[in-house]
Amino acid sequence: MPQNAPVRTASTMMLVREVPGVEVLMVKRNHAIDHFSGAMVFPGGKVEASDAEPGWAAQVQGWDDIPDSERAPRISAIRETFEECGILPAVQGYQADPEGTRELRGAMDRGEASFLAYLQQNGLRPDLRSLSLFARWRTPPVVAKRFDTYFYLVEAPAEQVAQADGRETILAEWIAAGTALDMAARGERTIVFPTRMNLSLLARADSIADAVAAASMRPARVVEPVVELHGDKRFLRLEAEDGYGPTLEPLLF
């Protein structure tokens, strides 16, 4: 395994709603996509150069309140959520038009349309402060594809309907965190380690407010699982200070 694989910045969105109880939106990755194929994940992806264009400074709310290192990841999380499931979070006054934006989402995915230009043309200003930093994970060095991933939590707009894009994602479903974990334990869902660990944190919250408050109290920490060899098998270990409790499980990728 390569020890010096480049680390790409990525972001993912934990879009939540109260029904009552807290549900989170998860999408199923297309089996044709090589990374996390078939897995249930939160919407998200790599931070692109377009997420750091200078024009964003005037287009978003809360620009000066967010550290420079987090501006592009937050913009990326909002963009990826819109591309992958058609929901535009953190924007006041947006009138959802699923059919009207389907073609736009496809063009954005192909790099043929600009998310920033769309927001500018429609007077839509995402509020970066609406996103709560839930966690930050970095892939260990032994993995070929490495990511420094920001997990953000945001309340879903009540009037918008999730629709998978049909290319990267083939299913979108609202599910309670505990239910998702139980289904994964029974083999009914494929959920990768970082996603499961953050679902376990979300499952402790009785409301969105609880989840936001808990996230704000967690110390800023980049979680990078330690890889250990036990016999002839490799395991991932989390320390207690990572915030998930001591954890050891087989490395599957």
C-alpha atoms as a PDB file:
ATOM      1  CA  MET A   1       0.000   0.000   0.000  1.00  0.00           C
ATOM      2  CA  PRO A   2       1.262   3.506  -0.763  1.00  0.00           C
ATOM      3  CA  GLN A   3       2.416   5.441   2.266  1.00  0.00           C
ATOM      4  CA  ASN A   4       2.443   8.883   0.669  1.00  0.00           C
ATOM      5  CA  ALA A   5      -0.837   9.067  -1.237  1.00  0.00           C
ATOM      6  CA  PRO A   6      -2.032  12.667  -1.662  1.00  0.00           C
ATOM      7  CA  VAL A   7      -4.759  13.804   0.726  1.00  0.00           C
ATOM      8  CA  ARG A   8      -7.746  15.457  -0.960  1.00  0.00           C
ATOM      9  CA  THR A   9     -10.045  17.793   0.966  1.00  0.00           C
ATOM     10  CA  ALA A  10     -13.651  16.601   0.943  1.00  0.00           C
ATOM     11  CA  SER A  11     -16.893  17.450   2.689  1.00  0.00           C
ATOM     12  CA  THR A  12     -20.113  15.650   3.432  1.00  0.00           C
ATOM     13  CA  MET A  13     -23.517  16.836   4.624  1.00  0.00           C
ATOM     14  CA  MET A  14     -25.563  15.272   7.381  1.00  0.00           C
ATOM     15  CA  LEU A  15     -28.956  16.649   6.372  1.00  0.00           C
ATOM     16  CA  VAL A  16     -31.371  16.106   9.277  1.00  0.00           C
ATOM     17  CA  ARG A  17     -35.060  16.528  10.048  1.00  0.00           C
ATOM     18  CA  GLU A  18     -37.349  15.945  13.061  1.00  0.00           C
ATOM     19  CA  VAL A  19     -40.352  13.688  12.474  1.00  0.00           C
ATOM     20  CA  PRO A  20     -40.388  13.480  15.651  1.00  0.00           C
ATOM     21  CA  GLY A  21     -37.032  12.012  16.456  1.00  0.00           C
ATOM     22  CA  VAL A  22     -34.086  12.772  14.220  1.00  0.00           C
ATOM     23  CA  GLU A  23     -33.723  11.315  10.739  1.00  0.00           C
ATOM     24  CA  VAL A  24     -30.764  11.839   8.429  1.00  0.00           C
ATOM     25  CA  LEU A  25     -30.688  11.725   4.642  1.00  0.00           C
ATOM     26  CA  MET A  26     -28.525   8.965   3.207  1.00  0.00           C
ATOM     27  CA  VAL A  27     -27.848   8.194  -0.429  1.00  0.00           C
ATOM     28  CA  LYS A  28     -26.750   4.943  -2.055  1.00  0.00           C
ATOM     29  CA  ARG A  29     -23.655   5.179  -4.191  1.00  0.00           C
ATOM     30  CA  ASN A  30     -23.901   3.799  -7.710  1.00  0.00           C
ATOM     31  CA  HIS A  31     -22.173   0.412  -8.043  1.00  0.00           C
ATOM     32  CA  ALA A  32     -20.441   1.772 -11.164  1.00  0.00           C
ATOM     33  CA  ILE A  33     -18.622   4.404  -9.079  1.00  0.00           C
ATOM     34  CA  ASP A  34     -15.351   2.974  -7.817  1.00  0.00           C
ATOM     35  CA  HIS A  35     -15.177   4.714  -4.430  1.00  0.00           C
ATOM     36  CA  PHE A  36     -17.678   3.460  -1.804  1.00  0.00           C
ATOM     37  CA  SER A  37     -19.723   1.780  -4.581  1.00  0.00           C
ATOM     38  CA  GLY A  38     -23.044   0.472  -3.270  1.00  0.00           C
ATOM     39  CA  ALA A  39     -22.535   2.040   0.160  1.00  0.00           C
ATOM     40  CA  MET A  40     -25.064   4.214   1.951  1.00  0.00           C
ATOM     41  CA  VAL A  41     -23.373   7.550   2.629  1.00  0.00           C
ATOM     42  CA  PHE A  42     -24.183  11.166   3.338  1.00  0.00           C
ATOM     43  CA  PRO A  43     -24.215  13.440   0.258  1.00  0.00           C
ATOM     44  CA  GLY A  44     -20.775  14.852  -0.397  1.00  0.00           C
ATOM     45  CA  GLY A  45     -17.570  14.676  -2.365  1.00  0.00           C
ATOM     46  CA  LYS A  46     -14.242  16.300  -3.091  1.00  0.00           C
ATOM     47  CA  VAL A  47     -13.842  20.055  -2.692  1.00  0.00           C
ATOM     48  CA  GLU A  48     -13.399  21.491  -6.199  1.00  0.00           C
ATOM     49  CA  ALA A  49     -11.494  24.573  -7.337  1.00  0.00           C
ATOM     50  CA  SER A  50     -14.842  26.204  -8.168  1.00  0.00           C
ATOM     51  CA  ASP A  51     -15.774  26.049  -4.468  1.00  0.00           C
ATOM     52  CA  ALA A  52     -12.983  28.535  -3.727  1.00  0.00           C
ATOM     53  CA  GLU A  53     -13.643  31.092  -6.482  1.00  0.00           C
ATOM     54  CA  PRO A  54     -13.338  34.735  -5.317  1.00  0.00           C
ATOM     55  CA  GLY A  55     -16.966  35.422  -6.255  1.00  0.00           C
ATOM     56  CA  TRP A  56     -18.208  33.385  -3.312  1.00  0.00           C
ATOM     57  CA  ALA A  57     -17.188  36.098  -0.834  1.00  0.00           C
ATOM     58  CA  ALA A  58     -20.061  38.330  -1.954  1.00  0.00           C
ATOM     59  CA  GLN A  59     -22.512  35.497  -2.617  1.00  0.00           C
ATOM     60  CA  VAL A  60     -22.692  33.761   0.740  1.00  0.00           C
ATOM     61  CA  GLN A  61     -23.745  34.971   4.158  1.00  0.00           C
ATOM     62  CA  GLY A  62     -21.355  34.565   7.073  1.00  0.00           C
ATOM     63  CA  TRP A  63     -18.185  34.734   4.972  1.00  0.00           C
ATOM     64  CA  ASP A  64     -16.235  36.681   7.617  1.00  0.00           C
ATOM     65  CA  ASP A  65     -17.501  34.441  10.424  1.00  0.00           C
ATOM     66  CA  ILE A  66     -16.049  31.248   8.957  1.00  0.00           C
ATOM     67  CA  PRO A  67     -12.328  30.352   9.020  1.00  0.00           C
ATOM     68  CA  ASP A  68     -10.722  30.556   5.603  1.00  0.00           C
ATOM     69  CA  SER A  69      -9.887  26.838   5.708  1.00  0.00           C
ATOM     70  CA  GLU A  70     -13.573  25.938   6.074  1.00  0.00           C
ATOM     71  CA  ARG A  71     -15.216  28.230   3.523  1.00  0.00           C
ATOM     72  CA  ALA A  72     -14.651  26.033   0.471  1.00  0.00           C
ATOM     73  CA  PRO A  73     -15.579  22.803   2.319  1.00  0.00           C
ATOM     74  CA  ARG A  74     -18.880  24.337   3.459  1.00  0.00           C
ATOM     75  CA  ILE A  75     -19.645  25.584  -0.059  1.00  0.00           C
ATOM     76  CA  SER A  76     -18.729  22.154  -1.397  1.00  0.00           C
ATOM     77  CA  ALA A  77     -21.090  20.413   1.041  1.00  0.00           C
ATOM     78  CA  ILE A  78     -23.985  22.636  -0.059  1.00  0.00           C
ATOM     79  CA  ARG A  79     -23.156  22.149  -3.752  1.00  0.00           C
ATOM     80  CA  GLU A  80     -22.768  18.378  -3.485  1.00  0.00           C
ATOM     81  CA  THR A  81     -26.064  18.091  -1.601  1.00  0.00           C
ATOM     82  CA  PHE A  82     -27.813  19.988  -4.393  1.00  0.00           C
ATOM     83  CA  GLU A  83     -26.116  17.937  -7.126  1.00  0.00           C
ATOM     84  CA  GLU A  84     -26.660  14.530  -5.557  1.00  0.00           C
ATOM     85  CA  CYS A  85     -30.153  14.810  -4.096  1.00  0.00           C
ATOM     86  CA  GLY A  86     -31.676  18.070  -5.345  1.00  0.00           C
ATOM     87  CA  ILE A  87     -31.955  19.742  -1.941  1.00  0.00           C
ATOM     88  CA  LEU A  88     -30.540  23.243  -1.485  1.00  0.00           C
ATOM     89  CA  PRO A  89     -29.911  23.720   2.249  1.00  0.00           C
ATOM     90  CA  ALA A  90     -28.912  26.844   4.178  1.00  0.00           C
ATOM     91  CA  VAL A  91     -30.704  29.167   1.733  1.00  0.00           C
ATOM     92  CA  GLN A  92     -33.674  31.324   2.717  1.00  0.00           C
ATOM     93  CA  GLY A  93     -36.322  32.047   0.089  1.00  0.00           C
ATOM     94  CA  TYR A  94     -35.466  29.227  -2.311  1.00  0.00           C
ATOM     95  CA  GLN A  95     -38.518  27.913  -4.152  1.00  0.00           C
ATOM     96  CA  ALA A  96     -37.843  24.260  -4.894  1.00  0.00           C
ATOM     97  CA  ASP A  97     -38.264  23.263  -8.549  1.00  0.00           C
ATOM     98  CA  PRO A  98     -37.093  19.620  -8.838  1.00  0.00           C
ATOM     99  CA  GLU A  99     -37.942  19.216 -12.515  1.00  0.00           C
ATOM    100  CA  GLY A 100     -36.540  22.596 -13.451  1.00  0.00           C
ATOM    101  CA  THR A 101     -33.221  21.918 -11.765  1.00  0.00           C
ATOM    102  CA  ARG A 102     -32.748  18.289 -12.862  1.00  0.00           C
ATOM    103  CA  GLU A 103     -30.991  19.340 -16.063  1.00  0.00           C
ATOM    104  CA  LEU A 104     -28.930  21.905 -14.151  1.00  0.00           C
ATOM    105  CA  ARG A 105     -27.783  19.274 -11.657  1.00  0.00           C
ATOM    106  CA  GLY A 106     -26.638  17.034 -14.484  1.00  0.00           C
ATOM    107  CA  ALA A 107     -24.789  19.884 -16.175  1.00  0.00           C
ATOM    108  CA  MET A 108     -23.096  20.800 -12.894  1.00  0.00           C
ATOM    109  CA  ASP A 109     -22.012  17.206 -12.398  1.00  0.00           C
ATOM    110  CA  ARG A 110     -20.472  17.186 -15.889  1.00  0.00           C
ATOM    111  CA  GLY A 111     -18.698  20.493 -15.256  1.00  0.00           C
ATOM    112  CA  GLU A 112     -20.851  22.286 -17.837  1.00  0.00           C
ATOM    113  CA  ALA A 113     -22.669  24.651 -15.457  1.00  0.00           C
ATOM    114  CA  SER A 114     -21.617  26.789 -12.513  1.00  0.00           C
ATOM    115  CA  PHE A 115     -23.286  26.504  -9.122  1.00  0.00           C
ATOM    116  CA  LEU A 116     -22.053  29.984  -8.231  1.00  0.00           C
ATOM    117  CA  ALA A 117     -23.515  31.462 -11.422  1.00  0.00           C
ATOM    118  CA  TYR A 118     -26.866  29.767 -10.749  1.00  0.00           C
ATOM    119  CA  LEU A 119     -27.057  31.270  -7.261  1.00  0.00           C
ATOM    120  CA  GLN A 120     -26.006  34.699  -8.538  1.00  0.00           C
ATOM    121  CA  GLN A 121     -28.615  34.688 -11.300  1.00  0.00           C
ATOM    122  CA  ASN A 122     -31.373  33.725  -8.861  1.00  0.00           C
ATOM    123  CA  GLY A 123     -30.362  35.943  -5.941  1.00  0.00           C
ATOM    124  CA  LEU A 124     -29.766  32.984  -3.621  1.00  0.00           C
ATOM    125  CA  ARG A 125     -27.285  33.436  -0.777  1.00  0.00           C
ATOM    126  CA  PRO A 126     -26.347  30.366   1.275  1.00  0.00           C
ATOM    127  CA  ASP A 127     -25.605  31.054   4.929  1.00  0.00           C
ATOM    128  CA  LEU A 128     -22.396  29.225   5.763  1.00  0.00           C
ATOM    129  CA  ARG A 129     -23.129  29.733   9.469  1.00  0.00           C
ATOM    130  CA  SER A 130     -26.146  27.416   9.178  1.00  0.00           C
ATOM    131  CA  LEU A 131     -23.815  24.437   8.929  1.00  0.00           C
ATOM    132  CA  SER A 132     -22.461  22.940  12.152  1.00  0.00           C
ATOM    133  CA  LEU A 133     -19.104  21.189  12.012  1.00  0.00           C
ATOM    134  CA  PHE A 134     -19.954  17.700  13.261  1.00  0.00           C
ATOM    135  CA  ALA A 135     -16.625  15.919  12.763  1.00  0.00           C
ATOM    136  CA  ARG A 136     -13.463  15.848  10.697  1.00  0.00           C
ATOM    137  CA  TRP A 137     -11.822  12.623   9.577  1.00  0.00           C
ATOM    138  CA  ARG A 138      -8.595  11.881   7.721  1.00  0.00           C
ATOM    139  CA  THR A 139      -7.981   8.574   5.951  1.00  0.00           C
ATOM    140  CA  PRO A 140      -4.968   6.690   7.361  1.00  0.00           C
ATOM    141  CA  PRO A 141      -1.798   6.573   5.229  1.00  0.00           C
ATOM    142  CA  VAL A 142      -2.097   2.875   4.304  1.00  0.00           C
ATOM    143  CA  VAL A 143      -5.228   3.531   2.230  1.00  0.00           C
ATOM    144  CA  ALA A 144      -4.653   4.271  -1.462  1.00  0.00           C
ATOM    145  CA  LYS A 145      -7.277   7.040  -1.696  1.00  0.00           C
ATOM    146  CA  ARG A 146      -6.939   9.504   1.159  1.00  0.00           C
ATOM    147  CA  PHE A 147      -9.368  12.256   2.141  1.00  0.00           C
ATOM    148  CA  ASP A 148      -9.494  14.977   4.783  1.00  0.00           C
ATOM    149  CA  THR A 149     -13.264  15.083   5.187  1.00  0.00           C
ATOM    150  CA  TYR A 150     -15.374  17.679   6.978  1.00  0.00           C
ATOM    151  CA  PHE A 151     -18.728  16.359   8.215  1.00  0.00           C
ATOM    152  CA  TYR A 152     -21.360  19.099   8.471  1.00  0.00           C
ATOM    153  CA  LEU A 153     -24.815  18.984  10.055  1.00  0.00           C
ATOM    154  CA  VAL A 154     -27.690  21.126   8.802  1.00  0.00           C
ATOM    155  CA  GLU A 155     -31.461  21.051   9.132  1.00  0.00           C
ATOM    156  CA  ALA A 156     -33.213  20.095   5.908  1.00  0.00           C
ATOM    157  CA  PRO A 157     -35.648  22.578   4.333  1.00  0.00           C
ATOM    158  CA  ALA A 158     -39.092  21.146   5.080  1.00  0.00           C
ATOM    159  CA  GLU A 159     -40.584  21.807   1.647  1.00  0.00           C
ATOM    160  CA  GLN A 160     -37.834  20.209  -0.455  1.00  0.00           C
ATOM    161  CA  VAL A 161     -37.909  16.590  -1.658  1.00  0.00           C
ATOM    162  CA  ALA A 162     -34.782  14.472  -2.036  1.00  0.00           C
ATOM    163  CA  GLN A 163     -34.207  12.912  -5.457  1.00  0.00           C
ATOM    164  CA  ALA A 164     -31.116  10.835  -6.273  1.00  0.00           C
ATOM    165  CA  ASP A 165     -29.222  12.068  -9.317  1.00  0.00           C
ATOM    166  CA  GLY A 166     -29.254   8.641 -11.001  1.00  0.00           C
ATOM    167  CA  ARG A 167     -25.529   8.690 -11.716  1.00  0.00           C
ATOM    168  CA  GLU A 168     -23.437   8.993  -8.558  1.00  0.00           C
ATOM    169  CA  THR A 169     -26.429   8.185  -6.339  1.00  0.00           C
ATOM    170  CA  ILE A 170     -29.258   5.771  -7.110  1.00  0.00           C
ATOM    171  CA  LEU A 171     -31.335   6.017  -3.933  1.00  0.00           C
ATOM    172  CA  ALA A 172     -32.083   8.682  -1.332  1.00  0.00           C
ATOM    173  CA  GLU A 173     -33.766   7.783   1.948  1.00  0.00           C
ATOM    174  CA  TRP A 174     -34.534   9.369   5.283  1.00  0.00           C
ATOM    175  CA  ILE A 175     -33.609   7.087   8.138  1.00  0.00           C
ATOM    176  CA  ALA A 176     -33.035   7.271  11.889  1.00  0.00           C
ATOM    177  CA  ALA A 177     -29.374   6.862  12.767  1.00  0.00           C
ATOM    178  CA  GLY A 178     -30.067   3.923  15.070  1.00  0.00           C
ATOM    179  CA  THR A 179     -32.118   2.178  12.394  1.00  0.00           C
ATOM    180  CA  ALA A 180     -29.324   2.605   9.855  1.00  0.00           C
ATOM    181  CA  LEU A 181     -26.813   1.135  12.295  1.00  0.00           C
ATOM    182  CA  ASP A 182     -29.071  -1.840  13.043  1.00  0.00           C
ATOM    183  CA  MET A 183     -29.550  -2.516   9.321  1.00  0.00           C
ATOM    184  CA  ALA A 184     -25.801  -2.352   8.757  1.00  0.00           C
ATOM    185  CA  ALA A 185     -25.227  -4.819  11.610  1.00  0.00           C
ATOM    186  CA  ARG A 186     -27.698  -7.235   9.963  1.00  0.00           C
ATOM    187  CA  GLY A 187     -25.997  -6.873   6.585  1.00  0.00           C
ATOM    188  CA  GLU A 188     -28.957  -5.057   5.039  1.00  0.00           C
ATOM    189  CA  ARG A 189     -26.986  -1.867   4.367  1.00  0.00           C
ATOM    190  CA  THR A 190     -23.337  -1.268   3.508  1.00  0.00           C
ATOM    191  CA  ILE A 191     -22.110   1.626   5.642  1.00  0.00           C
ATOM    192  CA  VAL A 192     -18.401   2.417   5.841  1.00  0.00           C
ATOM    193  CA  PHE A 193     -16.581   2.967   9.113  1.00  0.00           C
ATOM    194  CA  PRO A 194     -16.498   6.808   9.332  1.00  0.00           C
ATOM    195  CA  THR A 195     -20.185   7.026   8.396  1.00  0.00           C
ATOM    196  CA  ARG A 196     -21.140   4.439  11.017  1.00  0.00           C
ATOM    197  CA  MET A 197     -19.139   6.197  13.693  1.00  0.00           C
ATOM    198  CA  ASN A 198     -20.840   9.521  13.010  1.00  0.00           C
ATOM    199  CA  LEU A 199     -24.237   7.840  12.866  1.00  0.00           C
ATOM    200  CA  SER A 200     -23.457   6.496  16.337  1.00  0.00           C
ATOM    201  CA  LEU A 201     -22.922  10.059  17.574  1.00  0.00           C
ATOM    202  CA  LEU A 202     -26.096  11.292  15.886  1.00  0.00           C
ATOM    203  CA  ALA A 203     -28.082   8.424  17.415  1.00  0.00           C
ATOM    204  CA  ARG A 204     -27.427   9.900  20.867  1.00  0.00           C
ATOM    205  CA  ALA A 205     -29.356  13.087  20.015  1.00  0.00           C
ATOM    206  CA  ASP A 206     -33.072  13.391  20.750  1.00  0.00           C
ATOM    207  CA  SER A 207     -33.434  16.505  18.602  1.00  0.00           C
ATOM    208  CA  ILE A 208     -31.579  18.562  16.028  1.00  0.00           C
ATOM    209  CA  ALA A 209     -30.827  21.108  18.746  1.00  0.00           C
ATOM    210  CA  ASP A 210     -29.234  18.337  20.836  1.00  0.00           C
ATOM    211  CA  ALA A 211     -27.086  17.239  17.894  1.00  0.00           C
ATOM    212  CA  VAL A 212     -25.942  20.800  17.187  1.00  0.00           C
ATOM    213  CA  ALA A 213     -25.172  21.458  20.860  1.00  0.00           C
ATOM    214  CA  ALA A 214     -23.196  18.229  21.197  1.00  0.00           C
ATOM    215  CA  ALA A 215     -21.193  19.034  18.064  1.00  0.00           C
ATOM    216  CA  SER A 216     -20.350  22.501  19.368  1.00  0.00           C
ATOM    217  CA  MET A 217     -19.016  21.039  22.630  1.00  0.00           C
ATOM    218  CA  ARG A 218     -16.744  18.456  21.026  1.00  0.00           C
ATOM    219  CA  PRO A 219     -13.108  19.591  20.914  1.00  0.00           C
ATOM    220  CA  ALA A 220     -11.758  20.386  17.457  1.00  0.00           C
ATOM    221  CA  ARG A 221      -9.920  17.238  16.444  1.00  0.00           C
ATOM    222  CA  VAL A 222      -8.959  15.503  13.216  1.00  0.00           C
ATOM    223  CA  VAL A 223      -9.855  11.842  13.654  1.00  0.00           C
ATOM    224  CA  GLU A 224      -7.314   9.623  11.892  1.00  0.00           C
ATOM    225  CA  PRO A 225      -7.817   5.940  12.733  1.00  0.00           C
ATOM    226  CA  VAL A 226      -4.688   4.051  13.728  1.00  0.00           C
ATOM    227  CA  VAL A 227      -4.009   0.893  11.714  1.00  0.00           C
ATOM    228  CA  GLU A 228      -2.858  -2.084  13.792  1.00  0.00           C
ATOM    229  CA  LEU A 229      -1.879  -5.618  12.822  1.00  0.00           C
ATOM    230  CA  HIS A 230      -3.460  -8.404  14.883  1.00  0.00           C
ATOM    231  CA  GLY A 231      -2.243 -11.738  13.602  1.00  0.00           C
ATOM    232  CA  ASP A 232      -2.478 -11.493   9.830  1.00  0.00           C
ATOM    233  CA  LYS A 233      -5.367  -9.004   9.841  1.00  0.00           C
ATOM    234  CA  ARG A 234      -5.318  -5.216   9.912  1.00  0.00           C
ATOM    235  CA  PHE A 235      -7.622  -3.307  12.242  1.00  0.00           C
ATOM    236  CA  LEU A 236      -8.684   0.303  12.664  1.00  0.00           C
ATOM    237  CA  ARG A 237      -8.441   1.707  16.166  1.00  0.00           C
ATOM    238  CA  LEU A 238      -9.992   4.880  17.556  1.00  0.00           C
ATOM    239  CA  GLU A 239      -8.785   6.390  20.804  1.00  0.00           C
ATOM    240  CA  ALA A 240     -11.200   7.412  23.548  1.00  0.00           C
ATOM    241  CA  GLU A 241     -10.277  11.055  22.971  1.00  0.00           C
ATOM    242  CA  ASP A 242     -11.520  10.802  19.380  1.00  0.00           C
ATOM    243  CA  GLY A 243     -14.997  11.127  20.891  1.00  0.00           C
ATOM    244  CA  TYR A 244     -16.563   7.838  19.806  1.00  0.00           C
ATOM    245  CA  GLY A 245     -15.365   5.601  22.595  1.00  0.00           C
ATOM    246  CA  PRO A 246     -12.531   3.060  22.232  1.00  0.00           C
ATOM    247  CA  THR A 247     -13.111   1.218  18.946  1.00  0.00           C
ATOM    248  CA  LEU A 248     -11.305  -1.597  17.138  1.00  0.00           C
ATOM    249  CA  GLU A 249     -12.578  -3.197  13.963  1.00  0.00           C
ATOM    250  CA  PRO A 250     -11.230  -4.898  10.821  1.00  0.00           C
ATOM    251  CA  LEU A 251      -9.900  -2.723   8.001  1.00  0.00           C
ATOM    252  CA  LEU A 252     -12.030  -3.627   4.993  1.00  0.00           C
ATOM    253  CA  PHE A 253     -10.628  -1.301   2.309  1.00  0.00           C
END
